Protein backbone atom coordinates (compact mmCIF):
# COMPACT_ATOMS: atom_id res chain seq x y z
CA UNK A 1 0.00 0.00 0.00
CA UNK A 2 1.34 3.39 -0.89
CA UNK A 3 1.54 5.91 1.92
CA UNK A 4 0.80 9.64 1.88
CA UNK A 5 2.16 12.21 4.31
CA UNK A 6 -0.55 14.32 5.97
CA UNK A 7 -0.02 17.58 7.76
CA UNK A 8 -3.05 19.21 9.32
CA UNK A 9 -4.45 20.87 12.41
CA UNK A 10 -7.23 19.16 14.33
CA UNK A 11 -9.02 19.09 17.66
CA UNK A 12 -6.30 18.45 20.26
CA UNK A 13 -8.75 17.08 22.83
CA UNK A 14 -10.20 14.54 20.41
CA UNK A 15 -6.74 13.49 19.24
CA UNK A 16 -5.50 13.02 22.82
CA UNK A 17 -8.60 11.01 23.73
CA UNK A 18 -8.31 8.84 20.61
CA UNK A 19 -4.64 8.21 21.34
CA UNK A 20 -5.40 7.29 24.95
CA UNK A 21 -8.34 5.02 24.12
CA UNK A 22 -6.76 3.25 21.16
CA UNK A 23 -3.12 3.00 22.17
CA UNK A 24 -2.27 3.41 18.48
CA UNK A 25 0.35 5.63 16.94
CA UNK A 26 -0.95 8.55 14.89
CA UNK A 27 -0.47 6.79 11.55
CA UNK A 28 -2.51 3.74 12.55
CA UNK A 29 -5.04 5.93 14.32
CA UNK A 30 -5.65 8.02 11.19
CA UNK A 31 -5.78 4.89 9.00
CA UNK A 32 -8.53 3.46 11.22
CA UNK A 33 -10.38 6.78 11.33
CA UNK A 34 -10.28 7.06 7.54
CA UNK A 35 -11.45 3.46 7.21
CA UNK A 36 -14.38 4.12 9.51
CA UNK A 37 -15.24 7.33 7.66
CA UNK A 38 -15.17 5.54 4.30
CA UNK A 39 -17.45 2.78 5.60
CA UNK A 40 -19.90 5.37 6.95
CA UNK A 41 -19.89 7.34 3.69
CA UNK A 42 -20.44 4.17 1.66
CA UNK A 43 -23.34 3.21 3.94
CA UNK A 44 -24.88 6.66 3.52
CA UNK A 45 -24.56 6.41 -0.29
CA UNK A 46 -26.21 2.98 -0.29
CA UNK A 47 -29.09 4.21 1.86
CA UNK A 48 -29.51 7.25 -0.38
CA UNK A 49 -29.53 5.06 -3.52
CA UNK A 50 -32.15 2.77 -1.97
CA UNK A 51 -34.29 5.76 -1.07
CA UNK A 52 -34.10 7.03 -4.66
CA UNK A 53 -34.57 3.56 -6.21
CA UNK A 54 -36.35 1.21 -3.79
CA UNK A 55 -36.32 -2.52 -4.50
CA UNK A 56 -40.11 -2.45 -4.62
CA UNK A 57 -39.99 -0.25 -7.73
CA UNK A 58 -37.67 -2.62 -9.64
CA UNK A 59 -39.65 -5.31 -11.48
CA UNK A 60 -36.65 -7.64 -11.49
CA UNK A 61 -36.04 -7.35 -7.75
CA UNK A 62 -39.62 -7.14 -6.57
CA UNK A 63 -41.33 -10.54 -6.58
CA UNK A 64 -43.85 -12.46 -4.58
CA UNK A 65 -42.51 -15.07 -2.17
CA UNK A 66 -43.83 -18.59 -2.70
CA UNK A 67 -46.73 -19.57 -0.47
CA UNK A 68 -46.00 -21.36 2.79
CA UNK A 69 -45.04 -24.14 3.15
CA UNK A 70 -42.01 -23.83 0.94
CA UNK A 71 -41.72 -26.41 -1.82
CA UNK A 72 -38.90 -28.22 0.02
CA UNK A 73 -40.07 -30.85 2.49
CA UNK A 74 -37.05 -33.15 2.79
CA UNK A 75 -34.76 -33.67 5.77
CA UNK A 76 -32.01 -31.15 6.34
CA UNK A 77 -28.71 -32.65 5.10
CA UNK A 78 -26.32 -33.51 7.92
CA UNK A 79 -23.54 -31.31 6.46
CA UNK A 80 -25.89 -28.30 6.61
CA UNK A 81 -26.76 -29.07 10.23
CA UNK A 82 -23.04 -29.39 11.06
CA UNK A 83 -22.21 -26.12 9.28
CA UNK A 84 -24.95 -24.33 11.23
CA UNK A 85 -23.61 -25.78 14.50
CA UNK A 86 -20.05 -24.60 13.69
CA UNK A 87 -21.24 -21.12 12.67
CA UNK A 88 -23.16 -20.73 15.91
CA UNK A 89 -19.99 -21.73 17.76
CA UNK A 90 -17.95 -19.22 15.68
CA UNK A 91 -15.81 -21.80 13.90
CA UNK A 92 -17.31 -21.87 10.42
CA UNK A 93 -15.06 -21.46 7.40
PDB file of N, CA and C in Angstrom:
ATOM      1  N   UNK A   1       0.849  -1.162   0.000  1.00  0.00           N
ATOM      2  CA  UNK A   1       0.000   0.000   0.000  1.00  0.00           C
ATOM      3  C   UNK A   1       0.899   1.230   0.000  1.00  0.00           C
ATOM      4  N   UNK A   2       0.569   2.152  -0.872  1.00  0.00           N
ATOM      5  CA  UNK A   2       1.344   3.387  -0.887  1.00  0.00           C
ATOM      6  C   UNK A   2       0.905   4.265   0.278  1.00  0.00           C
ATOM      7  N   UNK A   3       1.815   5.068   0.757  1.00  0.00           N
ATOM      8  CA  UNK A   3       1.540   5.912   1.918  1.00  0.00           C
ATOM      9  C   UNK A   3       1.601   7.363   1.477  1.00  0.00           C
ATOM     10  N   UNK A   4       0.861   8.207   2.163  1.00  0.00           N
ATOM     11  CA  UNK A   4       0.803   9.637   1.876  1.00  0.00           C
ATOM     12  C   UNK A   4       1.038  10.395   3.169  1.00  0.00           C
ATOM     13  N   UNK A   5       1.900  11.396   3.119  1.00  0.00           N
ATOM     14  CA  UNK A   5       2.156  12.210   4.309  1.00  0.00           C
ATOM     15  C   UNK A   5       1.028  13.227   4.452  1.00  0.00           C
ATOM     16  N   UNK A   6       0.540  13.393   5.693  1.00  0.00           N
ATOM     17  CA  UNK A   6      -0.547  14.322   5.975  1.00  0.00           C
ATOM     18  C   UNK A   6      -0.067  15.300   7.036  1.00  0.00           C
ATOM     19  N   UNK A   7      -0.326  16.554   6.779  1.00  0.00           N
ATOM     20  CA  UNK A   7      -0.019  17.582   7.764  1.00  0.00           C
ATOM     21  C   UNK A   7      -1.272  18.428   7.915  1.00  0.00           C
ATOM     22  N   UNK A   8      -1.814  18.472   9.114  1.00  0.00           N
ATOM     23  CA  UNK A   8      -3.051  19.211   9.324  1.00  0.00           C
ATOM     24  C   UNK A   8      -3.172  19.635  10.778  1.00  0.00           C
ATOM     25  N   UNK A   9      -4.140  20.458  11.055  1.00  0.00           N
ATOM     26  CA  UNK A   9      -4.454  20.869  12.407  1.00  0.00           C
ATOM     27  C   UNK A   9      -5.821  20.293  12.732  1.00  0.00           C
ATOM     28  N   UNK A  10      -5.943  19.720  13.936  1.00  0.00           N
ATOM     29  CA  UNK A  10      -7.231  19.156  14.330  1.00  0.00           C
ATOM     30  C   UNK A  10      -7.468  19.355  15.801  1.00  0.00           C
ATOM     31  N   UNK A  11      -8.603  18.914  16.268  1.00  0.00           N
ATOM     32  CA  UNK A  11      -9.022  19.092  17.655  1.00  0.00           C
ATOM     33  C   UNK A  11      -8.071  18.331  18.582  1.00  0.00           C
ATOM     34  N   UNK A  12      -7.315  19.052  19.389  1.00  0.00           N
ATOM     35  CA  UNK A  12      -6.301  18.449  20.258  1.00  0.00           C
ATOM     36  C   UNK A  12      -6.928  17.535  21.310  1.00  0.00           C
ATOM     37  N   UNK A  13      -8.095  17.899  21.822  1.00  0.00           N
ATOM     38  CA  UNK A  13      -8.754  17.076  22.833  1.00  0.00           C
ATOM     39  C   UNK A  13      -9.193  15.743  22.244  1.00  0.00           C
ATOM     40  N   UNK A  14      -9.784  15.787  21.057  1.00  0.00           N
ATOM     41  CA  UNK A  14     -10.201  14.536  20.408  1.00  0.00           C
ATOM     42  C   UNK A  14      -9.000  13.659  20.082  1.00  0.00           C
ATOM     43  N   UNK A  15      -7.937  14.262  19.589  1.00  0.00           N
ATOM     44  CA  UNK A  15      -6.742  13.489  19.243  1.00  0.00           C
ATOM     45  C   UNK A  15      -6.163  12.831  20.491  1.00  0.00           C
ATOM     46  N   UNK A  16      -6.053  13.576  21.573  1.00  0.00           N
ATOM     47  CA  UNK A  16      -5.502  13.021  22.816  1.00  0.00           C
ATOM     48  C   UNK A  16      -6.382  11.889  23.332  1.00  0.00           C
ATOM     49  N   UNK A  17      -7.689  12.069  23.262  1.00  0.00           N
ATOM     50  CA  UNK A  17      -8.603  11.013  23.727  1.00  0.00           C
ATOM     51  C   UNK A  17      -8.495   9.769  22.844  1.00  0.00           C
ATOM     52  N   UNK A  18      -8.436   9.973  21.533  1.00  0.00           N
ATOM     53  CA  UNK A  18      -8.305   8.838  20.610  1.00  0.00           C
ATOM     54  C   UNK A  18      -6.990   8.106  20.840  1.00  0.00           C
ATOM     55  N   UNK A  19      -5.932   8.840  21.048  1.00  0.00           N
ATOM     56  CA  UNK A  19      -4.635   8.208  21.340  1.00  0.00           C
ATOM     57  C   UNK A  19      -4.714   7.387  22.616  1.00  0.00           C
ATOM     58  N   UNK A  20      -5.323   7.972  23.655  1.00  0.00           N
ATOM     59  CA  UNK A  20      -5.396   7.289  24.946  1.00  0.00           C
ATOM     60  C   UNK A  20      -6.284   6.043  24.873  1.00  0.00           C
ATOM     61  N   UNK A  21      -7.415   6.147  24.194  1.00  0.00           N
ATOM     62  CA  UNK A  21      -8.336   5.016  24.122  1.00  0.00           C
ATOM     63  C   UNK A  21      -7.828   3.895  23.222  1.00  0.00           C
ATOM     64  N   UNK A  22      -7.155   4.268  22.136  1.00  0.00           N
ATOM     65  CA  UNK A  22      -6.757   3.250  21.160  1.00  0.00           C
ATOM     66  C   UNK A  22      -5.388   2.654  21.436  1.00  0.00           C
ATOM     67  N   UNK A  23      -4.493   3.464  21.984  1.00  0.00           N
ATOM     68  CA  UNK A  23      -3.123   2.998  22.167  1.00  0.00           C
ATOM     69  C   UNK A  23      -2.358   2.902  20.854  1.00  0.00           C
ATOM     70  N   UNK A  24      -2.907   3.479  19.800  1.00  0.00           N
ATOM     71  CA  UNK A  24      -2.273   3.409  18.480  1.00  0.00           C
ATOM     72  C   UNK A  24      -1.398   4.626  18.240  1.00  0.00           C
ATOM     73  N   UNK A  25      -0.407   4.455  17.361  1.00  0.00           N
ATOM     74  CA  UNK A  25       0.350   5.628  16.943  1.00  0.00           C
ATOM     75  C   UNK A  25      -0.519   6.432  15.978  1.00  0.00           C
ATOM     76  N   UNK A  26      -0.113   7.663  15.697  1.00  0.00           N
ATOM     77  CA  UNK A  26      -0.954   8.553  14.889  1.00  0.00           C
ATOM     78  C   UNK A  26      -1.243   7.986  13.500  1.00  0.00           C
ATOM     79  N   UNK A  27      -0.280   7.336  12.891  1.00  0.00           N
ATOM     80  CA  UNK A  27      -0.467   6.788  11.550  1.00  0.00           C
ATOM     81  C   UNK A  27      -1.573   5.727  11.548  1.00  0.00           C
ATOM     82  N   UNK A  28      -1.486   4.794  12.483  1.00  0.00           N
ATOM     83  CA  UNK A  28      -2.510   3.739  12.554  1.00  0.00           C
ATOM     84  C   UNK A  28      -3.858   4.319  12.981  1.00  0.00           C
ATOM     85  N   UNK A  29      -3.819   5.292  13.862  1.00  0.00           N
ATOM     86  CA  UNK A  29      -5.045   5.931  14.320  1.00  0.00           C
ATOM     87  C   UNK A  29      -5.769   6.604  13.149  1.00  0.00           C
ATOM     88  N   UNK A  30      -5.041   7.347  12.340  1.00  0.00           N
ATOM     89  CA  UNK A  30      -5.653   8.018  11.192  1.00  0.00           C
ATOM     90  C   UNK A  30      -6.099   7.014  10.132  1.00  0.00           C
ATOM     91  N   UNK A  31      -5.346   5.936   9.934  1.00  0.00           N
ATOM     92  CA  UNK A  31      -5.784   4.893   9.000  1.00  0.00           C
ATOM     93  C   UNK A  31      -7.124   4.317   9.431  1.00  0.00           C
ATOM     94  N   UNK A  32      -7.261   4.016  10.728  1.00  0.00           N
ATOM     95  CA  UNK A  32      -8.531   3.461  11.223  1.00  0.00           C
ATOM     96  C   UNK A  32      -9.655   4.476  11.113  1.00  0.00           C
ATOM     97  N   UNK A  33      -9.353   5.730  11.418  1.00  0.00           N
ATOM     98  CA  UNK A  33     -10.378   6.775  11.329  1.00  0.00           C
ATOM     99  C   UNK A  33     -10.847   6.946   9.886  1.00  0.00           C
ATOM    100  N   UNK A  34      -9.906   6.946   8.950  1.00  0.00           N
ATOM    101  CA  UNK A  34     -10.285   7.063   7.537  1.00  0.00           C
ATOM    102  C   UNK A  34     -11.084   5.851   7.087  1.00  0.00           C
ATOM    103  N   UNK A  35     -10.701   4.667   7.538  1.00  0.00           N
ATOM    104  CA  UNK A  35     -11.451   3.458   7.206  1.00  0.00           C
ATOM    105  C   UNK A  35     -12.881   3.538   7.703  1.00  0.00           C
ATOM    106  N   UNK A  36     -13.042   3.987   8.944  1.00  0.00           N
ATOM    107  CA  UNK A  36     -14.384   4.120   9.514  1.00  0.00           C
ATOM    108  C   UNK A  36     -15.193   5.175   8.766  1.00  0.00           C
ATOM    109  N   UNK A  37     -14.550   6.276   8.415  1.00  0.00           N
ATOM    110  CA  UNK A  37     -15.236   7.328   7.657  1.00  0.00           C
ATOM    111  C   UNK A  37     -15.683   6.806   6.298  1.00  0.00           C
ATOM    112  N   UNK A  38     -14.805   6.087   5.603  1.00  0.00           N
ATOM    113  CA  UNK A  38     -15.170   5.536   4.298  1.00  0.00           C
ATOM    114  C   UNK A  38     -16.334   4.559   4.394  1.00  0.00           C
ATOM    115  N   UNK A  39     -16.331   3.707   5.414  1.00  0.00           N
ATOM    116  CA  UNK A  39     -17.449   2.776   5.600  1.00  0.00           C
ATOM    117  C   UNK A  39     -18.749   3.539   5.841  1.00  0.00           C
ATOM    118  N   UNK A  40     -18.707   4.577   6.665  1.00  0.00           N
ATOM    119  CA  UNK A  40     -19.899   5.372   6.953  1.00  0.00           C
ATOM    120  C   UNK A  40     -20.406   6.075   5.692  1.00  0.00           C
ATOM    121  N   UNK A  41     -19.489   6.652   4.921  1.00  0.00           N
ATOM    122  CA  UNK A  41     -19.891   7.341   3.694  1.00  0.00           C
ATOM    123  C   UNK A  41     -20.488   6.362   2.683  1.00  0.00           C
ATOM    124  N   UNK A  42     -19.902   5.182   2.571  1.00  0.00           N
ATOM    125  CA  UNK A  42     -20.440   4.169   1.663  1.00  0.00           C
ATOM    126  C   UNK A  42     -21.840   3.751   2.104  1.00  0.00           C
ATOM    127  N   UNK A  43     -22.017   3.553   3.409  1.00  0.00           N
ATOM    128  CA  UNK A  43     -23.335   3.208   3.939  1.00  0.00           C
ATOM    129  C   UNK A  43     -24.356   4.302   3.595  1.00  0.00           C
ATOM    130  N   UNK A  44     -23.973   5.555   3.808  1.00  0.00           N
ATOM    131  CA  UNK A  44     -24.883   6.662   3.518  1.00  0.00           C
ATOM    132  C   UNK A  44     -25.247   6.705   2.041  1.00  0.00           C
ATOM    133  N   UNK A  45     -24.279   6.428   1.165  1.00  0.00           N
ATOM    134  CA  UNK A  45     -24.563   6.410  -0.287  1.00  0.00           C
ATOM    135  C   UNK A  45     -25.508   5.278  -0.639  1.00  0.00           C
ATOM    136  N   UNK A  46     -25.325   4.112  -0.024  1.00  0.00           N
ATOM    137  CA  UNK A  46     -26.209   2.981  -0.291  1.00  0.00           C
ATOM    138  C   UNK A  46     -27.627   3.284   0.169  1.00  0.00           C
ATOM    139  N   UNK A  47     -27.766   3.862   1.353  1.00  0.00           N
ATOM    140  CA  UNK A  47     -29.090   4.211   1.858  1.00  0.00           C
ATOM    141  C   UNK A  47     -29.743   5.237   0.941  1.00  0.00           C
ATOM    142  N   UNK A  48     -28.986   6.220   0.518  1.00  0.00           N
ATOM    143  CA  UNK A  48     -29.513   7.246  -0.382  1.00  0.00           C
ATOM    144  C   UNK A  48     -29.955   6.631  -1.714  1.00  0.00           C
ATOM    145  N   UNK A  49     -29.158   5.715  -2.256  1.00  0.00           N
ATOM    146  CA  UNK A  49     -29.525   5.061  -3.516  1.00  0.00           C
ATOM    147  C   UNK A  49     -30.804   4.249  -3.352  1.00  0.00           C
ATOM    148  N   UNK A  50     -30.934   3.551  -2.208  1.00  0.00           N
ATOM    149  CA  UNK A  50     -32.147   2.766  -1.972  1.00  0.00           C
ATOM    150  C   UNK A  50     -33.365   3.659  -1.778  1.00  0.00           C
ATOM    151  N   UNK A  51     -33.174   4.833  -1.215  1.00  0.00           N
ATOM    152  CA  UNK A  51     -34.292   5.762  -1.067  1.00  0.00           C
ATOM    153  C   UNK A  51     -34.736   6.291  -2.426  1.00  0.00           C
ATOM    154  N   UNK A  52     -33.771   6.539  -3.316  1.00  0.00           N
ATOM    155  CA  UNK A  52     -34.102   7.029  -4.660  1.00  0.00           C
ATOM    156  C   UNK A  52     -34.666   5.924  -5.555  1.00  0.00           C
ATOM    157  N   UNK A  53     -34.177   4.689  -5.364  1.00  0.00           N
ATOM    158  CA  UNK A  53     -34.569   3.563  -6.215  1.00  0.00           C
ATOM    159  C   UNK A  53     -34.871   2.346  -5.342  1.00  0.00           C
ATOM    160  N   UNK A  54     -36.036   2.333  -4.680  1.00  0.00           N
ATOM    161  CA  UNK A  54     -36.351   1.208  -3.791  1.00  0.00           C
ATOM    162  C   UNK A  54     -36.509  -0.103  -4.558  1.00  0.00           C
ATOM    163  N   UNK A  55     -36.180  -1.196  -3.893  1.00  0.00           N
ATOM    164  CA  UNK A  55     -36.325  -2.516  -4.498  1.00  0.00           C
ATOM    165  C   UNK A  55     -37.745  -2.730  -5.009  1.00  0.00           C
ATOM    166  N   UNK A  56     -38.709  -2.234  -4.264  1.00  0.00           N
ATOM    167  CA  UNK A  56     -40.114  -2.453  -4.617  1.00  0.00           C
ATOM    168  C   UNK A  56     -40.460  -1.884  -5.986  1.00  0.00           C
ATOM    169  N   UNK A  57     -39.716  -0.873  -6.434  1.00  0.00           N
ATOM    170  CA  UNK A  57     -39.989  -0.251  -7.731  1.00  0.00           C
ATOM    171  C   UNK A  57     -39.290  -0.956  -8.890  1.00  0.00           C
ATOM    172  N   UNK A  58     -38.420  -1.908  -8.603  1.00  0.00           N
ATOM    173  CA  UNK A  58     -37.673  -2.625  -9.642  1.00  0.00           C
ATOM    174  C   UNK A  58     -38.383  -3.949  -9.925  1.00  0.00           C
ATOM    175  N   UNK A  59     -38.898  -4.099 -11.143  1.00  0.00           N
ATOM    176  CA  UNK A  59     -39.646  -5.310 -11.485  1.00  0.00           C
ATOM    177  C   UNK A  59     -38.806  -6.568 -11.350  1.00  0.00           C
ATOM    178  N   UNK A  60     -37.496  -6.461 -11.569  1.00  0.00           N
ATOM    179  CA  UNK A  60     -36.653  -7.644 -11.491  1.00  0.00           C
ATOM    180  C   UNK A  60     -36.267  -8.011 -10.064  1.00  0.00           C
ATOM    181  N   UNK A  61     -36.374  -7.074  -9.146  1.00  0.00           N
ATOM    182  CA  UNK A  61     -36.041  -7.346  -7.753  1.00  0.00           C
ATOM    183  C   UNK A  61     -37.270  -7.528  -6.880  1.00  0.00           C
ATOM    184  N   UNK A  62     -38.396  -7.066  -7.343  1.00  0.00           N
ATOM    185  CA  UNK A  62     -39.625  -7.144  -6.567  1.00  0.00           C
ATOM    186  C   UNK A  62     -40.442  -8.335  -7.058  1.00  0.00           C
ATOM    187  N   UNK A  63     -40.577  -9.336  -6.205  1.00  0.00           N
ATOM    188  CA  UNK A  63     -41.326 -10.541  -6.581  1.00  0.00           C
ATOM    189  C   UNK A  63     -42.048 -11.096  -5.377  1.00  0.00           C
ATOM    190  N   UNK A  64     -43.056 -11.857  -5.644  1.00  0.00           N
ATOM    191  CA  UNK A  64     -43.846 -12.464  -4.583  1.00  0.00           C
ATOM    192  C   UNK A  64     -43.141 -13.712  -4.064  1.00  0.00           C
ATOM    193  N   UNK A  65     -43.093 -13.864  -2.767  1.00  0.00           N
ATOM    194  CA  UNK A  65     -42.514 -15.069  -2.166  1.00  0.00           C
ATOM    195  C   UNK A  65     -43.481 -16.231  -2.383  1.00  0.00           C
ATOM    196  N   UNK A  66     -42.942 -17.441  -2.524  1.00  0.00           N
ATOM    197  CA  UNK A  66     -43.826 -18.589  -2.697  1.00  0.00           C
ATOM    198  C   UNK A  66     -44.683 -18.788  -1.452  1.00  0.00           C
ATOM    199  N   UNK A  67     -45.860 -19.363  -1.630  1.00  0.00           N
ATOM    200  CA  UNK A  67     -46.731 -19.568  -0.468  1.00  0.00           C
ATOM    201  C   UNK A  67     -46.115 -20.571   0.505  1.00  0.00           C
ATOM    202  N   UNK A  68     -46.479 -20.435   1.758  1.00  0.00           N
ATOM    203  CA  UNK A  68     -46.001 -21.355   2.794  1.00  0.00           C
ATOM    204  C   UNK A  68     -46.881 -22.591   2.749  1.00  0.00           C
ATOM    205  N   UNK A  69     -46.428 -23.799   2.891  1.00  0.00           N
ATOM    206  CA  UNK A  69     -45.040 -24.142   3.153  1.00  0.00           C
ATOM    207  C   UNK A  69     -44.207 -24.058   1.885  1.00  0.00           C
ATOM    208  N   UNK A  70     -42.921 -23.886   2.077  1.00  0.00           N
ATOM    209  CA  UNK A  70     -42.011 -23.827   0.940  1.00  0.00           C
ATOM    210  C   UNK A  70     -42.010 -25.172   0.225  1.00  0.00           C
ATOM    211  N   UNK A  71     -41.638 -25.174  -1.046  1.00  0.00           N
ATOM    212  CA  UNK A  71     -41.717 -26.407  -1.822  1.00  0.00           C
ATOM    213  C   UNK A  71     -40.752 -27.505  -1.366  1.00  0.00           C
ATOM    214  N   UNK A  72     -39.848 -27.219  -0.446  1.00  0.00           N
ATOM    215  CA  UNK A  72     -38.896 -28.220   0.018  1.00  0.00           C
ATOM    216  C   UNK A  72     -39.445 -28.875   1.277  1.00  0.00           C
ATOM    217  N   UNK A  73     -39.559 -30.181   1.294  1.00  0.00           N
ATOM    218  CA  UNK A  73     -40.073 -30.849   2.490  1.00  0.00           C
ATOM    219  C   UNK A  73     -39.198 -32.013   2.927  1.00  0.00           C
ATOM    220  N   UNK A  74     -37.966 -32.072   2.426  1.00  0.00           N
ATOM    221  CA  UNK A  74     -37.054 -33.145   2.791  1.00  0.00           C
ATOM    222  C   UNK A  74     -36.329 -32.862   4.097  1.00  0.00           C
ATOM    223  N   UNK A  75     -35.570 -33.840   4.553  1.00  0.00           N
ATOM    224  CA  UNK A  75     -34.761 -33.675   5.768  1.00  0.00           C
ATOM    225  C   UNK A  75     -33.593 -32.744   5.478  1.00  0.00           C
ATOM    226  N   UNK A  76     -33.155 -32.043   6.492  1.00  0.00           N
ATOM    227  CA  UNK A  76     -32.005 -31.149   6.341  1.00  0.00           C
ATOM    228  C   UNK A  76     -30.756 -32.020   6.269  1.00  0.00           C
ATOM    229  N   UNK A  77     -29.932 -31.835   5.210  1.00  0.00           N
ATOM    230  CA  UNK A  77     -28.715 -32.646   5.100  1.00  0.00           C
ATOM    231  C   UNK A  77     -27.812 -32.465   6.312  1.00  0.00           C
ATOM    232  N   UNK A  78     -27.165 -33.528   6.735  1.00  0.00           N
ATOM    233  CA  UNK A  78     -26.317 -33.508   7.923  1.00  0.00           C
ATOM    234  C   UNK A  78     -25.198 -32.475   7.807  1.00  0.00           C
ATOM    235  N   UNK A  79     -24.612 -32.301   6.597  1.00  0.00           N
ATOM    236  CA  UNK A  79     -23.535 -31.313   6.455  1.00  0.00           C
ATOM    237  C   UNK A  79     -24.045 -29.887   6.683  1.00  0.00           C
ATOM    238  N   UNK A  80     -25.302 -29.618   6.362  1.00  0.00           N
ATOM    239  CA  UNK A  80     -25.888 -28.301   6.614  1.00  0.00           C
ATOM    240  C   UNK A  80     -26.099 -28.107   8.117  1.00  0.00           C
ATOM    241  N   UNK A  81     -26.576 -29.134   8.782  1.00  0.00           N
ATOM    242  CA  UNK A  81     -26.760 -29.070  10.234  1.00  0.00           C
ATOM    243  C   UNK A  81     -25.414 -28.836  10.914  1.00  0.00           C
ATOM    244  N   UNK A  82     -24.375 -29.541  10.477  1.00  0.00           N
ATOM    245  CA  UNK A  82     -23.042 -29.388  11.064  1.00  0.00           C
ATOM    246  C   UNK A  82     -22.488 -27.981  10.810  1.00  0.00           C
ATOM    247  N   UNK A  83     -22.672 -27.467   9.598  1.00  0.00           N
ATOM    248  CA  UNK A  83     -22.209 -26.118   9.276  1.00  0.00           C
ATOM    249  C   UNK A  83     -22.911 -25.095  10.175  1.00  0.00           C
ATOM    250  N   UNK A  84     -24.214 -25.242  10.366  1.00  0.00           N
ATOM    251  CA  UNK A  84     -24.953 -24.326  11.235  1.00  0.00           C
ATOM    252  C   UNK A  84     -24.426 -24.401  12.670  1.00  0.00           C
ATOM    253  N   UNK A  85     -24.138 -25.608  13.151  1.00  0.00           N
ATOM    254  CA  UNK A  85     -23.614 -25.777  14.502  1.00  0.00           C
ATOM    255  C   UNK A  85     -22.259 -25.073  14.641  1.00  0.00           C
ATOM    256  N   UNK A  86     -21.371 -25.245  13.643  1.00  0.00           N
ATOM    257  CA  UNK A  86     -20.049 -24.600  13.689  1.00  0.00           C
ATOM    258  C   UNK A  86     -20.173 -23.082  13.612  1.00  0.00           C
ATOM    259  N   UNK A  87     -21.069 -22.578  12.782  1.00  0.00           N
ATOM    260  CA  UNK A  87     -21.244 -21.123  12.666  1.00  0.00           C
ATOM    261  C   UNK A  87     -21.752 -20.537  13.973  1.00  0.00           C
ATOM    262  N   UNK A  88     -22.675 -21.218  14.623  1.00  0.00           N
ATOM    263  CA  UNK A  88     -23.161 -20.734  15.911  1.00  0.00           C
ATOM    264  C   UNK A  88     -22.032 -20.712  16.941  1.00  0.00           C
ATOM    265  N   UNK A  89     -21.119 -21.662  16.824  1.00  0.00           N
ATOM    266  CA  UNK A  89     -19.990 -21.733  17.758  1.00  0.00           C
ATOM    267  C   UNK A  89     -18.851 -20.811  17.332  1.00  0.00           C
ATOM    268  N   UNK A  90     -18.979 -20.152  16.160  1.00  0.00           N
ATOM    269  CA  UNK A  90     -17.952 -19.221  15.684  1.00  0.00           C
ATOM    270  C   UNK A  90     -16.772 -19.873  15.027  1.00  0.00           C
ATOM    271  N   UNK A  91     -16.934 -21.093  14.505  1.00  0.00           N
ATOM    272  CA  UNK A  91     -15.808 -21.801  13.899  1.00  0.00           C
ATOM    273  C   UNK A  91     -16.049 -22.144  12.436  1.00  0.00           C
ATOM    274  N   UNK A  92     -17.017 -21.530  11.819  1.00  0.00           N
ATOM    275  CA  UNK A  92     -17.314 -21.874  10.423  1.00  0.00           C
ATOM    276  C   UNK A  92     -16.263 -21.294   9.491  1.00  0.00           C
ATOM    277  N   UNK A  93     -16.046 -21.962   8.376  1.00  0.00           N
ATOM    278  CA  UNK A  93     -15.061 -21.459   7.396  1.00  0.00           C
ATOM    279  C   UNK A  93     -15.500 -20.170   6.759  1.00  0.00           C
TER     280      UNK A  93
END
